[in-house]
Amino acid sequence: MPILVALFTTGFTSVFAFIAAKVGAKFALLVVLVGVYVSSAAAFLAVINILIGSLVTALPSFVADIFSMLPTNTDECIAICVSAEAAAYVYRQVVIVASIKSRL
């Protein structure tokens, strides 16, 4: 009987370790990809802020007054729209690659 318990324990341990390794690796990759996407979105937002700020200072005063009428979250909205387009493009490319791989 102790041999049977040891066999089941070893079997369950190895199966659980295999599943944990596979799921853990996929989860770690997913966390890294989300981190990269968030950091690139933050960098993109910073670039939008810099570009709008430099545009306002470089324009004549009557044109800069037009920019002062925009809401304070205009740069965030622009960054969100462009980031959403980029995410949609990446999703479309992943779907295309997945459909090509499924045909093979």
PDB file of N, CA and C in Angstrom:
ATOM      1  N   MET A   1       0.805  -1.205   0.000  1.00  0.00           N
ATOM      2  CA  MET A   1       0.000   0.000   0.000  1.00  0.00           C
ATOM      3  C   MET A   1       0.853   1.277   0.000  1.00  0.00           C
ATOM      4  N   PRO A   2       1.924   1.367   0.790  1.00  0.00           N
ATOM      5  CA  PRO A   2       2.755   2.572   0.754  1.00  0.00           C
ATOM      6  C   PRO A   2       3.386   2.789  -0.612  1.00  0.00           C
ATOM      7  N   ILE A   3       3.661   1.716  -1.329  1.00  0.00           N
ATOM      8  CA  ILE A   3       4.246   1.859  -2.669  1.00  0.00           C
ATOM      9  C   ILE A   3       3.226   2.500  -3.606  1.00  0.00           C
ATOM     10  N   LEU A   4       1.974   2.109  -3.486  1.00  0.00           N
ATOM     11  CA  LEU A   4       0.910   2.667  -4.323  1.00  0.00           C
ATOM     12  C   LEU A   4       0.709   4.158  -4.029  1.00  0.00           C
ATOM     13  N   VAL A   5       0.748   4.529  -2.767  1.00  0.00           N
ATOM     14  CA  VAL A   5       0.628   5.939  -2.388  1.00  0.00           C
ATOM     15  C   VAL A   5       1.808   6.743  -2.923  1.00  0.00           C
ATOM     16  N   ALA A   6       2.984   6.190  -2.824  1.00  0.00           N
ATOM     17  CA  ALA A   6       4.170   6.879  -3.335  1.00  0.00           C
ATOM     18  C   ALA A   6       4.101   7.028  -4.846  1.00  0.00           C
ATOM     19  N   LEU A   7       3.578   6.030  -5.542  1.00  0.00           N
ATOM     20  CA  LEU A   7       3.441   6.088  -6.999  1.00  0.00           C
ATOM     21  C   LEU A   7       2.451   7.172  -7.402  1.00  0.00           C
ATOM     22  N   PHE A   8       1.292   7.198  -6.740  1.00  0.00           N
ATOM     23  CA  PHE A   8       0.298   8.237  -7.049  1.00  0.00           C
ATOM     24  C   PHE A   8       0.814   9.633  -6.710  1.00  0.00           C
ATOM     25  N   THR A   9       1.503   9.756  -5.590  1.00  0.00           N
ATOM     26  CA  THR A   9       2.045  11.053  -5.192  1.00  0.00           C
ATOM     27  C   THR A   9       3.064  11.549  -6.207  1.00  0.00           C
ATOM     28  N   THR A  10       3.934  10.673  -6.637  1.00  0.00           N
ATOM     29  CA  THR A  10       4.941  11.043  -7.635  1.00  0.00           C
ATOM     30  C   THR A  10       4.281  11.404  -8.957  1.00  0.00           C
ATOM     31  N   GLY A  11       3.286  10.625  -9.354  1.00  0.00           N
ATOM     32  CA  GLY A  11       2.582  10.898 -10.618  1.00  0.00           C
ATOM     33  C   GLY A  11       1.852  12.224 -10.587  1.00  0.00           C
ATOM     34  N   PHE A  12       1.104  12.463  -9.519  1.00  0.00           N
ATOM     35  CA  PHE A  12       0.380  13.728  -9.409  1.00  0.00           C
ATOM     36  C   PHE A  12       1.332  14.914  -9.331  1.00  0.00           C
ATOM     37  N   THR A  13       2.429  14.735  -8.639  1.00  0.00           N
ATOM     38  CA  THR A  13       3.411  15.815  -8.516  1.00  0.00           C
ATOM     39  C   THR A  13       4.021  16.157  -9.872  1.00  0.00           C
ATOM     40  N   SER A  14       4.367  15.148 -10.646  1.00  0.00           N
ATOM     41  CA  SER A  14       4.974  15.417 -11.952  1.00  0.00           C
ATOM     42  C   SER A  14       3.962  16.021 -12.923  1.00  0.00           C
ATOM     43  N   VAL A  15       2.719  15.561 -12.905  1.00  0.00           N
ATOM     44  CA  VAL A  15       1.687  16.137 -13.775  1.00  0.00           C
ATOM     45  C   VAL A  15       1.427  17.585 -13.373  1.00  0.00           C
ATOM     46  N   PHE A  16       1.298  17.834 -12.086  1.00  0.00           N
ATOM     47  CA  PHE A  16       1.054  19.198 -11.624  1.00  0.00           C
ATOM     48  C   PHE A  16       2.229  20.111 -11.966  1.00  0.00           C
ATOM     49  N   ALA A  17       3.440  19.618 -11.832  1.00  0.00           N
ATOM     50  CA  ALA A  17       4.613  20.433 -12.169  1.00  0.00           C
ATOM     51  C   ALA A  17       4.649  20.742 -13.657  1.00  0.00           C
ATOM     52  N   PHE A  18       4.286  19.776 -14.495  1.00  0.00           N
ATOM     53  CA  PHE A  18       4.259  20.000 -15.941  1.00  0.00           C
ATOM     54  C   PHE A  18       3.213  21.056 -16.308  1.00  0.00           C
ATOM     55  N   ILE A  19       2.006  20.918 -15.753  1.00  0.00           N
ATOM     56  CA  ILE A  19       0.940  21.888 -16.038  1.00  0.00           C
ATOM     57  C   ILE A  19       1.314  23.262 -15.516  1.00  0.00           C
ATOM     58  N   ALA A  20       1.878  23.321 -14.326  1.00  0.00           N
ATOM     59  CA  ALA A  20       2.281  24.614 -13.757  1.00  0.00           C
ATOM     60  C   ALA A  20       3.374  25.269 -14.588  1.00  0.00           C
ATOM     61  N   ALA A  21       4.290  24.478 -15.116  1.00  0.00           N
ATOM     62  CA  ALA A  21       5.360  25.042 -15.946  1.00  0.00           C
ATOM     63  C   ALA A  21       4.798  25.611 -17.240  1.00  0.00           C
ATOM     64  N   LYS A  22       3.879  24.890 -17.870  1.00  0.00           N
ATOM     65  CA  LYS A  22       3.294  25.372 -19.129  1.00  0.00           C
ATOM     66  C   LYS A  22       2.444  26.617 -18.902  1.00  0.00           C
ATOM     67  N   VAL A  23       1.554  26.563 -17.930  1.00  0.00           N
ATOM     68  CA  VAL A  23       0.680  27.700 -17.649  1.00  0.00           C
ATOM     69  C   VAL A  23       1.492  28.867 -17.104  1.00  0.00           C
ATOM     70  N   GLY A  24       2.467  28.584 -16.277  1.00  0.00           N
ATOM     71  CA  GLY A  24       3.304  29.643 -15.709  1.00  0.00           C
ATOM     72  C   GLY A  24       4.096  30.380 -16.766  1.00  0.00           C
ATOM     73  N   ALA A  25       4.623  29.646 -17.735  1.00  0.00           N
ATOM     74  CA  ALA A  25       5.383  30.289 -18.811  1.00  0.00           C
ATOM     75  C   ALA A  25       4.481  31.165 -19.669  1.00  0.00           C
ATOM     76  N   LYS A  26       3.279  30.677 -19.971  1.00  0.00           N
ATOM     77  CA  LYS A  26       2.348  31.481 -20.766  1.00  0.00           C
ATOM     78  C   LYS A  26       1.899  32.719 -19.988  1.00  0.00           C
ATOM     79  N   PHE A  27       1.647  32.542 -18.694  1.00  0.00           N
ATOM     80  CA  PHE A  27       1.224  33.674 -17.875  1.00  0.00           C
ATOM     81  C   PHE A  27       2.333  34.704 -17.754  1.00  0.00           C
ATOM     82  N   ALA A  28       3.562  34.248 -17.593  1.00  0.00           N
ATOM     83  CA  ALA A  28       4.692  35.181 -17.495  1.00  0.00           C
ATOM     84  C   ALA A  28       4.864  35.957 -18.795  1.00  0.00           C
ATOM     85  N   LEU A  29       4.718  35.281 -19.918  1.00  0.00           N
ATOM     86  CA  LEU A  29       4.810  35.961 -21.210  1.00  0.00           C
ATOM     87  C   LEU A  29       3.694  36.973 -21.360  1.00  0.00           C
ATOM     88  N   LEU A  30       2.492  36.616 -20.939  1.00  0.00           N
ATOM     89  CA  LEU A  30       1.370  37.544 -21.010  1.00  0.00           C
ATOM     90  C   LEU A  30       1.605  38.770 -20.141  1.00  0.00           C
ATOM     91  N   VAL A  31       2.137  38.581 -18.956  1.00  0.00           N
ATOM     92  CA  VAL A  31       2.422  39.706 -18.058  1.00  0.00           C
ATOM     93  C   VAL A  31       3.484  40.619 -18.677  1.00  0.00           C
ATOM     94  N   VAL A  32       4.495  40.023 -19.292  1.00  0.00           N
ATOM     95  CA  VAL A  32       5.536  40.823 -19.941  1.00  0.00           C
ATOM     96  C   VAL A  32       4.956  41.618 -21.104  1.00  0.00           C
ATOM     97  N   LEU A  33       4.101  40.985 -21.905  1.00  0.00           N
ATOM     98  CA  LEU A  33       3.504  41.687 -23.044  1.00  0.00           C
ATOM     99  C   LEU A  33       2.600  42.830 -22.598  1.00  0.00           C
ATOM    100  N   VAL A  34       1.834  42.621 -21.545  1.00  0.00           N
ATOM    101  CA  VAL A  34       0.989  43.696 -21.028  1.00  0.00           C
ATOM    102  C   VAL A  34       1.859  44.826 -20.485  1.00  0.00           C
ATOM    103  N   GLY A  35       2.928  44.488 -19.814  1.00  0.00           N
ATOM    104  CA  GLY A  35       3.847  45.513 -19.306  1.00  0.00           C
ATOM    105  C   GLY A  35       4.476  46.322 -20.427  1.00  0.00           C
ATOM    106  N   VAL A  36       4.877  45.637 -21.482  1.00  0.00           N
ATOM    107  CA  VAL A  36       5.458  46.345 -22.630  1.00  0.00           C
ATOM    108  C   VAL A  36       4.425  47.259 -23.266  1.00  0.00           C
ATOM    109  N   TYR A  37       3.198  46.767 -23.397  1.00  0.00           N
ATOM    110  CA  TYR A  37       2.153  47.597 -24.008  1.00  0.00           C
ATOM    111  C   TYR A  37       1.855  48.821 -23.144  1.00  0.00           C
ATOM    112  N   VAL A  38       1.762  48.639 -21.840  1.00  0.00           N
ATOM    113  CA  VAL A  38       1.466  49.770 -20.952  1.00  0.00           C
ATOM    114  C   VAL A  38       2.604  50.782 -20.960  1.00  0.00           C
ATOM    115  N   SER A  39       3.842  50.304 -20.932  1.00  0.00           N
ATOM    116  CA  SER A  39       4.966  51.245 -20.940  1.00  0.00           C
ATOM    117  C   SER A  39       5.082  51.963 -22.277  1.00  0.00           C
ATOM    118  N   SER A  40       4.784  51.273 -23.375  1.00  0.00           N
ATOM    119  CA  SER A  40       4.821  51.961 -24.664  1.00  0.00           C
ATOM    120  C   SER A  40       3.678  52.965 -24.794  1.00  0.00           C
ATOM    121  N   ALA A  41       2.516  52.653 -24.216  1.00  0.00           N
ATOM    122  CA  ALA A  41       1.413  53.615 -24.228  1.00  0.00           C
ATOM    123  C   ALA A  41       1.759  54.844 -23.385  1.00  0.00           C
ATOM    124  N   ALA A  42       2.424  54.637 -22.253  1.00  0.00           N
ATOM    125  CA  ALA A  42       2.834  55.770 -21.419  1.00  0.00           C
ATOM    126  C   ALA A  42       3.879  56.625 -22.127  1.00  0.00           C
ATOM    127  N   ALA A  43       4.812  55.975 -22.813  1.00  0.00           N
ATOM    128  CA  ALA A  43       5.811  56.728 -23.573  1.00  0.00           C
ATOM    129  C   ALA A  43       5.150  57.493 -24.719  1.00  0.00           C
ATOM    130  N   PHE A  44       4.186  56.875 -25.354  1.00  0.00           N
ATOM    131  CA  PHE A  44       3.468  57.541 -26.437  1.00  0.00           C
ATOM    132  C   PHE A  44       2.697  58.755 -25.912  1.00  0.00           C
ATOM    133  N   LEU A  45       2.083  58.616 -24.749  1.00  0.00           N
ATOM    134  CA  LEU A  45       1.368  59.740 -24.147  1.00  0.00           C
ATOM    135  C   LEU A  45       2.332  60.875 -23.822  1.00  0.00           C
ATOM    136  N   ALA A  46       3.512  60.543 -23.343  1.00  0.00           N
ATOM    137  CA  ALA A  46       4.510  61.579 -23.056  1.00  0.00           C
ATOM    138  C   ALA A  46       4.935  62.293 -24.337  1.00  0.00           C
ATOM    139  N   VAL A  47       5.089  61.543 -25.417  1.00  0.00           N
ATOM    140  CA  VAL A  47       5.448  62.165 -26.692  1.00  0.00           C
ATOM    141  C   VAL A  47       4.337  63.080 -27.185  1.00  0.00           C
ATOM    142  N   ILE A  48       3.093  62.642 -27.043  1.00  0.00           N
ATOM    143  CA  ILE A  48       1.959  63.492 -27.450  1.00  0.00           C
ATOM    144  C   ILE A  48       1.955  64.777 -26.625  1.00  0.00           C
ATOM    145  N   ASN A  49       2.179  64.664 -25.318  1.00  0.00           N
ATOM    146  CA  ASN A  49       2.221  65.857 -24.463  1.00  0.00           C
ATOM    147  C   ASN A  49       3.325  66.815 -24.909  1.00  0.00           C
ATOM    148  N   ILE A  50       4.489  66.274 -25.215  1.00  0.00           N
ATOM    149  CA  ILE A  50       5.615  67.113 -25.648  1.00  0.00           C
ATOM    150  C   ILE A  50       5.307  67.783 -26.979  1.00  0.00           C
ATOM    151  N   LEU A  51       4.732  67.013 -27.914  1.00  0.00           N
ATOM    152  CA  LEU A  51       4.428  67.580 -29.231  1.00  0.00           C
ATOM    153  C   LEU A  51       3.365  68.675 -29.154  1.00  0.00           C
ATOM    154  N   ILE A  52       2.333  68.448 -28.376  1.00  0.00           N
ATOM    155  CA  ILE A  52       1.294  69.480 -28.247  1.00  0.00           C
ATOM    156  C   ILE A  52       1.858  70.709 -27.548  1.00  0.00           C
ATOM    157  N   GLY A  53       2.677  70.484 -26.512  1.00  0.00           N
ATOM    158  CA  GLY A  53       3.289  71.621 -25.821  1.00  0.00           C
ATOM    159  C   GLY A  53       4.200  72.424 -26.723  1.00  0.00           C
ATOM    160  N   SER A  54       5.005  71.743 -27.526  1.00  0.00           N
ATOM    161  CA  SER A  54       5.894  72.475 -28.429  1.00  0.00           C
ATOM    162  C   SER A  54       5.124  73.125 -29.565  1.00  0.00           C
ATOM    163  N   LEU A  55       4.026  72.526 -29.970  1.00  0.00           N
ATOM    164  CA  LEU A  55       3.200  73.119 -31.019  1.00  0.00           C
ATOM    165  C   LEU A  55       2.545  74.408 -30.529  1.00  0.00           C
ATOM    166  N   VAL A  56       2.070  74.383 -29.311  1.00  0.00           N
ATOM    167  CA  VAL A  56       1.423  75.579 -28.759  1.00  0.00           C
ATOM    168  C   VAL A  56       2.423  76.723 -28.612  1.00  0.00           C
ATOM    169  N   THR A  57       3.636  76.409 -28.191  1.00  0.00           N
ATOM    170  CA  THR A  57       4.618  77.483 -28.015  1.00  0.00           C
ATOM    171  C   THR A  57       5.185  77.982 -29.341  1.00  0.00           C
ATOM    172  N   ALA A  58       5.145  77.177 -30.377  1.00  0.00           N
ATOM    173  CA  ALA A  58       5.718  77.574 -31.661  1.00  0.00           C
ATOM    174  C   ALA A  58       4.738  78.347 -32.533  1.00  0.00           C
ATOM    175  N   LEU A  59       3.459  78.255 -32.238  1.00  0.00           N
ATOM    176  CA  LEU A  59       2.457  78.908 -33.070  1.00  0.00           C
ATOM    177  C   LEU A  59       2.270  80.366 -32.668  1.00  0.00           C
ATOM    178  N   PRO A  60       1.729  81.160 -33.561  1.00  0.00           N
ATOM    179  CA  PRO A  60       1.397  82.539 -33.182  1.00  0.00           C
ATOM    180  C   PRO A  60       0.355  82.563 -32.067  1.00  0.00           C
ATOM    181  N   SER A  61       0.262  83.674 -31.389  1.00  0.00           N
ATOM    182  CA  SER A  61      -0.583  83.740 -30.194  1.00  0.00           C
ATOM    183  C   SER A  61      -2.064  83.539 -30.513  1.00  0.00           C
ATOM    184  N   PHE A  62      -2.545  84.022 -31.667  1.00  0.00           N
ATOM    185  CA  PHE A  62      -3.971  83.859 -31.965  1.00  0.00           C
ATOM    186  C   PHE A  62      -4.312  82.385 -32.262  1.00  0.00           C
ATOM    187  N   VAL A  63      -3.358  81.623 -32.781  1.00  0.00           N
ATOM    188  CA  VAL A  63      -3.593  80.194 -32.999  1.00  0.00           C
ATOM    189  C   VAL A  63      -3.439  79.439 -31.681  1.00  0.00           C
ATOM    190  N   ALA A  64      -2.516  79.851 -30.845  1.00  0.00           N
ATOM    191  CA  ALA A  64      -2.332  79.209 -29.542  1.00  0.00           C
ATOM    192  C   ALA A  64      -3.559  79.411 -28.661  1.00  0.00           C
ATOM    193  N   ASP A  65      -4.267  80.528 -28.854  1.00  0.00           N
ATOM    194  CA  ASP A  65      -5.500  80.743 -28.098  1.00  0.00           C
ATOM    195  C   ASP A  65      -6.555  79.712 -28.460  1.00  0.00           C
ATOM    196  N   ILE A  66      -6.540  79.234 -29.696  1.00  0.00           N
ATOM    197  CA  ILE A  66      -7.475  78.184 -30.098  1.00  0.00           C
ATOM    198  C   ILE A  66      -7.185  76.909 -29.322  1.00  0.00           C
ATOM    199  N   PHE A  67      -5.893  76.594 -29.140  1.00  0.00           N
ATOM    200  CA  PHE A  67      -5.536  75.408 -28.377  1.00  0.00           C
ATOM    201  C   PHE A  67      -5.924  75.540 -26.910  1.00  0.00           C
ATOM    202  N   SER A  68      -5.994  76.755 -26.393  1.00  0.00           N
ATOM    203  CA  SER A  68      -6.384  76.923 -24.998  1.00  0.00           C
ATOM    204  C   SER A  68      -7.860  76.622 -24.789  1.00  0.00           C
ATOM    205  N   MET A  69      -8.634  76.607 -25.864  1.00  0.00           N
ATOM    206  CA  MET A  69     -10.057  76.279 -25.745  1.00  0.00           C
ATOM    207  C   MET A  69     -10.308  74.773 -25.717  1.00  0.00           C
ATOM    208  N   LEU A  70      -9.293  73.988 -26.029  1.00  0.00           N
ATOM    209  CA  LEU A  70      -9.447  72.538 -25.985  1.00  0.00           C
ATOM    210  C   LEU A  70      -9.486  72.066 -24.538  1.00  0.00           C
ATOM    211  N   PRO A  71     -10.159  70.942 -24.276  1.00  0.00           N
ATOM    212  CA  PRO A  71     -10.175  70.430 -22.903  1.00  0.00           C
ATOM    213  C   PRO A  71      -8.777  70.019 -22.444  1.00  0.00           C
ATOM    214  N   THR A  72      -8.626  69.885 -21.148  1.00  0.00           N
ATOM    215  CA  THR A  72      -7.304  69.579 -20.595  1.00  0.00           C
ATOM    216  C   THR A  72      -6.862  68.149 -20.891  1.00  0.00           C
ATOM    217  N   ASN A  73      -7.799  67.268 -21.223  1.00  0.00           N
ATOM    218  CA  ASN A  73      -7.432  65.880 -21.486  1.00  0.00           C
ATOM    219  C   ASN A  73      -7.341  65.572 -22.979  1.00  0.00           C
ATOM    220  N   THR A  74      -7.103  66.573 -23.796  1.00  0.00           N
ATOM    221  CA  THR A  74      -7.027  66.357 -25.238  1.00  0.00           C
ATOM    222  C   THR A  74      -5.875  65.440 -25.608  1.00  0.00           C
ATOM    223  N   ASP A  75      -4.721  65.630 -25.000  1.00  0.00           N
ATOM    224  CA  ASP A  75      -3.575  64.788 -25.339  1.00  0.00           C
ATOM    225  C   ASP A  75      -3.812  63.341 -24.937  1.00  0.00           C
ATOM    226  N   GLU A  76      -4.472  63.100 -23.789  1.00  0.00           N
ATOM    227  CA  GLU A  76      -4.784  61.737 -23.395  1.00  0.00           C
ATOM    228  C   GLU A  76      -5.758  61.096 -24.367  1.00  0.00           C
ATOM    229  N   CYS A  77      -6.734  61.870 -24.838  1.00  0.00           N
ATOM    230  CA  CYS A  77      -7.706  61.337 -25.795  1.00  0.00           C
ATOM    231  C   CYS A  77      -7.039  60.975 -27.121  1.00  0.00           C
ATOM    232  N   ILE A  78      -6.141  61.811 -27.581  1.00  0.00           N
ATOM    233  CA  ILE A  78      -5.414  61.517 -28.818  1.00  0.00           C
ATOM    234  C   ILE A  78      -4.580  60.247 -28.637  1.00  0.00           C
ATOM    235  N   ALA A  79      -3.898  60.151 -27.513  1.00  0.00           N
ATOM    236  CA  ALA A  79      -3.066  58.976 -27.262  1.00  0.00           C
ATOM    237  C   ALA A  79      -3.908  57.709 -27.154  1.00  0.00           C
ATOM    238  N   ILE A  80      -5.069  57.797 -26.535  1.00  0.00           N
ATOM    239  CA  ILE A  80      -5.952  56.632 -26.414  1.00  0.00           C
ATOM    240  C   ILE A  80      -6.452  56.192 -27.779  1.00  0.00           C
ATOM    241  N   CYS A  81      -6.837  57.147 -28.610  1.00  0.00           N
ATOM    242  CA  CYS A  81      -7.331  56.800 -29.952  1.00  0.00           C
ATOM    243  C   CYS A  81      -6.246  56.119 -30.785  1.00  0.00           C
ATOM    244  N   VAL A  82      -5.057  56.668 -30.771  1.00  0.00           N
ATOM    245  CA  VAL A  82      -3.974  56.086 -31.559  1.00  0.00           C
ATOM    246  C   VAL A  82      -3.537  54.741 -30.973  1.00  0.00           C
ATOM    247  N   SER A  83      -3.511  54.623 -29.652  1.00  0.00           N
ATOM    248  CA  SER A  83      -3.150  53.343 -29.026  1.00  0.00           C
ATOM    249  C   SER A  83      -4.193  52.272 -29.334  1.00  0.00           C
ATOM    250  N   ALA A  84      -5.457  52.661 -29.358  1.00  0.00           N
ATOM    251  CA  ALA A  84      -6.509  51.699 -29.702  1.00  0.00           C
ATOM    252  C   ALA A  84      -6.365  51.230 -31.147  1.00  0.00           C
ATOM    253  N   GLU A  85      -6.018  52.140 -32.033  1.00  0.00           N
ATOM    254  CA  GLU A  85      -5.787  51.743 -33.424  1.00  0.00           C
ATOM    255  C   GLU A  85      -4.599  50.793 -33.532  1.00  0.00           C
ATOM    256  N   ALA A  86      -3.544  51.078 -32.780  1.00  0.00           N
ATOM    257  CA  ALA A  86      -2.365  50.202 -32.799  1.00  0.00           C
ATOM    258  C   ALA A  86      -2.697  48.826 -32.229  1.00  0.00           C
ATOM    259  N   ALA A  87      -3.468  48.779 -31.149  1.00  0.00           N
ATOM    260  CA  ALA A  87      -3.860  47.498 -30.566  1.00  0.00           C
ATOM    261  C   ALA A  87      -4.755  46.713 -31.522  1.00  0.00           C
ATOM    262  N   ALA A  88      -5.645  47.397 -32.212  1.00  0.00           N
ATOM    263  CA  ALA A  88      -6.499  46.722 -33.186  1.00  0.00           C
ATOM    264  C   ALA A  88      -5.676  46.173 -34.343  1.00  0.00           C
ATOM    265  N   TYR A  89      -4.671  46.914 -34.775  1.00  0.00           N
ATOM    266  CA  TYR A  89      -3.797  46.441 -35.845  1.00  0.00           C
ATOM    267  C   TYR A  89      -3.037  45.193 -35.411  1.00  0.00           C
ATOM    268  N   VAL A  90      -2.508  45.213 -34.192  1.00  0.00           N
ATOM    269  CA  VAL A  90      -1.785  44.049 -33.681  1.00  0.00           C
ATOM    270  C   VAL A  90      -2.721  42.854 -33.574  1.00  0.00           C
ATOM    271  N   TYR A  91      -3.954  43.072 -33.117  1.00  0.00           N
ATOM    272  CA  TYR A  91      -4.920  41.982 -33.011  1.00  0.00           C
ATOM    273  C   TYR A  91      -5.234  41.399 -34.387  1.00  0.00           C
ATOM    274  N   ARG A  92      -5.419  42.252 -35.380  1.00  0.00           N
ATOM    275  CA  ARG A  92      -5.687  41.762 -36.733  1.00  0.00           C
ATOM    276  C   ARG A  92      -4.524  40.937 -37.258  1.00  0.00           C
ATOM    277  N   GLN A  93      -3.300  41.370 -36.984  1.00  0.00           N
ATOM    278  CA  GLN A  93      -2.139  40.619 -37.447  1.00  0.00           C
ATOM    279  C   GLN A  93      -2.045  39.262 -36.739  1.00  0.00           C
ATOM    280  N   VAL A  94      -2.369  39.221 -35.455  1.00  0.00           N
ATOM    281  CA  VAL A  94      -2.348  37.957 -34.720  1.00  0.00           C
ATOM    282  C   VAL A  94      -3.398  37.004 -35.278  1.00  0.00           C
ATOM    283  N   VAL A  95      -4.585  37.529 -35.599  1.00  0.00           N
ATOM    284  CA  VAL A  95      -5.629  36.687 -36.172  1.00  0.00           C
ATOM    285  C   VAL A  95      -5.193  36.153 -37.537  1.00  0.00           C
ATOM    286  N   ILE A  96      -4.556  36.981 -38.340  1.00  0.00           N
ATOM    287  CA  ILE A  96      -4.077  36.527 -39.652  1.00  0.00           C
ATOM    288  C   ILE A  96      -3.029  35.431 -39.491  1.00  0.00           C
ATOM    289  N   VAL A  97      -2.081  35.636 -38.586  1.00  0.00           N
ATOM    290  CA  VAL A  97      -1.039  34.620 -38.363  1.00  0.00           C
ATOM    291  C   VAL A  97      -1.653  33.326 -37.835  1.00  0.00           C
ATOM    292  N   ALA A  98      -2.619  33.456 -36.918  1.00  0.00           N
ATOM    293  CA  ALA A  98      -3.266  32.254 -36.364  1.00  0.00           C
ATOM    294  C   ALA A  98      -4.046  31.504 -37.438  1.00  0.00           C
ATOM    295  N   SER A  99      -4.698  32.232 -38.337  1.00  0.00           N
ATOM    296  CA  SER A  99      -5.442  31.552 -39.397  1.00  0.00           C
ATOM    297  C   SER A  99      -4.499  30.876 -40.379  1.00  0.00           C
ATOM    298  N   ILE A 100      -3.342  31.480 -40.629  1.00  0.00           N
ATOM    299  CA  ILE A 100      -2.356  30.854 -41.516  1.00  0.00           C
ATOM    300  C   ILE A 100      -1.787  29.594 -40.860  1.00  0.00           C
ATOM    301  N   LYS A 101      -1.483  29.690 -39.561  1.00  0.00           N
ATOM    302  CA  LYS A 101      -0.950  28.516 -38.857  1.00  0.00           C
ATOM    303  C   LYS A 101      -1.969  27.400 -38.766  1.00  0.00           C
ATOM    304  N   SER A 102      -3.252  27.742 -38.689  1.00  0.00           N
ATOM    305  CA  SER A 102      -4.271  26.691 -38.577  1.00  0.00           C
ATOM    306  C   SER A 102      -4.449  25.950 -39.892  1.00  0.00           C
ATOM    307  N   ARG A 103      -4.093  26.560 -41.004  1.00  0.00           N
ATOM    308  CA  ARG A 103      -4.204  25.891 -42.309  1.00  0.00           C
ATOM    309  C   ARG A 103      -3.061  24.916 -42.554  1.00  0.00           C
ATOM    310  N   LEU A 104      -1.958  25.111 -41.865  1.00  0.00           N
ATOM    311  CA  LEU A 104      -0.791  24.246 -42.093  1.00  0.00           C
ATOM    312  C   LEU A 104      -0.960  22.874 -41.507  1.00  0.00           C
TER     313      LEU A 104
END
